[in-house]
Structures are given as structure tokens and as C-alpha cells.
Amino acid sequence: MRAVQRITFFIAVAAAAAACSNRKEVETAKRSLYDIDFAIVYNAALEATRELYPKIDDVPGTGAVRTAWHQVQYANNQDDLANQRTVAQGQGMPTGTVTQAQAQAGVPTRLAYKRYFIRFDVIVTGGRPWRVKVVGHASEWEPGAALPVELFGPAKPHWLEGRTDALTLAIYKRIRPYAVPMKEKIEETRPEDTVKKTDPKQFKGVPEAAAGQLAQIKDALIKRDASALRAYLADDVVWSLGAPPGADVALATWQADTEALDAMAKLIGDGCGATDKKISCPAADPKVGAWQLQLEQRAGAWKVSSFVRAE
């Protein structure tokens, strides 16, 4: 019995020591800059992120890497740096027993639980030596909801910080030989805050209120801020010719097809035209197969009423 107790004690001590060492390395990674060419730092961030979260959108010109929302492989246990994998196709749902009521209602097991998702903004910023900033986002989907809701403040799940640290550490390990300590603490900022806001004055030939709305829509598209974008969609927005209109379905479809959101941002940037009741981007009739964005007034505000390919 004493031998078993000693073994258990040594295992606990070893685990605590490993956790302490890991935490110190994470803190070192957070306070490190990288004295090497931008391309090396950016590629390290890109590859480390892709290894953990395969679906990504990279923008080398701005030093940004943005992951898609990945479903979290999460059970009711303590998350840590060792538990960092996610699944993107409905895998890893929490396990549990289906209640009699659920069984009688014919509710599938996976729909009886909330689902959690995670995504990251990674940005290489500054000048040489470069800083790598990792910001994690978490969202929650409840049965019956059309879309997940991002969690902020106290609602953020306890596992978000651990997974953010895990990605920070993964990047650090790839370029550790070039790491140098920060001389002073850098104020925390989100990557999206570094993106310059669109100036409404660039939209000519449209009402002032519509210009402001177009600028805000473009900013939401650049940040991939689904919650913000939803506020600018008419409830009856047409998103596919022949399909029932609806803002929630439209947004879910566009999020699954990033090409559509990129096309919307480009249309707004290329200029729009106005009539008494409608804003169209582009102003002229589009070619067959090309996208066209339209805004109309709803309750005194300009809302996206249609975004479809021309036929």
C-alpha cells in the first residue's frame, strides 16, 4: 500500500512540475518578439494555426491569419493545454444519456446538447522584431437556434484561455530560436482593432445615411463579424433566387461560403449607385452570373435586401 502511495505521490509531483514548466513557457511565449524576417514569422504562425485548426483564411499583406469556427471537442471536464484539438464536422459532442422524454420525442442525441465553437485571430504586427498576437473567440449554439452566439466577458468559457495559450505556444515553438523578450508590456489590442475603419465619404452618389451603412457593412465583412452583419440584413433578405428569403438562413449560407462574403465586400468597395428607394452595388446591371448587392429602407434604416447572382 505504501509503495502505491509513493508512486501516486511521485506522479502527482511530476504532473504539477510539468504543468508549472508549461505555464512558464506560455508566459515566455506571450512576452516574446521575433527577430527574423516577417515571412518566417508569418509562415510559422500560419502553419502552426493550420495544424490545429485546418480551415483558415490568411491575408499575408496585413499579417493576419483568421480561422473558421471549429466545433470544440469538449466534455464536462477541466480543459488544459494538452486538450487542444477541435473537430469541424459535428464530431466530439458531449456524451450523456438520452432522457425518456427526449427518446419519446425522437430527438437525436447530438441535438440534445449545446454545441461550442472556437476561432482565432492571429496577427503578426509591429516591425522587426515582430510580435505575434493570438486572440481566441468562443461561441455557443443551443438547440433550436439558427446560429451560434459569440460569448463575451463573464460568459466566456473556461477552456478558451487554455486553447488560446496552446496556439500561442505552438507558434512560439516553431520560431523559438529567434525569440527575444519584450522590453516593456504592450497594451492588449484585438487584431480587428488594427484594421482601419472604412470612411463613409468614399461612397459617392448615395445618401449620407446609406454611405454610413455601407461603410459599417464593409467593416463587418472584413472582420467576419457575423453578429454585426446580421444587424444590417433585412429579415426578408433574398439570398438565392427561388429560395425562401430570410436573414438567418442567408447568413448561415454565406458563412459556409466565404467566397460570397468576399464578393460582397468587393462590390461595396467598387462603388454603388442609388435611386429613390434602392442602393445597388454595382450601380449598373451586372453580367449574368455576377453578384449584385441591393439595400432598401426598412423602418427608416438602410438594410441589405438582396444579394444574389444575376441571371
Foldseek 3Di string as FASTA:
>chain_A
DVVVVVVVVVVVVVVVVVVVVLVVLLVLLQQKFFQDDLVQLLVLLVVLCCVQAVAWDDDVVQQKIKGAKFWALDEPDDAALVRQHTHRPLPNAYDDDDDPVCVVVVPDPSLQDKIKIKMWMWGWDDDVRIRIDIDMWMWIGHRPDLDTGTDDDPRDDPNRVRNSSNSSSSSCVSRVVRIDGHPDDDDDDGPLVPDDQDDLVVAPADDSQVSVLLSQCLSCLVVVPLVSNLVQADQQAAEEVPDGGGSSVNSVVCSVPVVQSVLSNVQSVVYWHDDPFKIKRPPDDDDAQHWMWMWGDDPRHTHTRYIYGHD
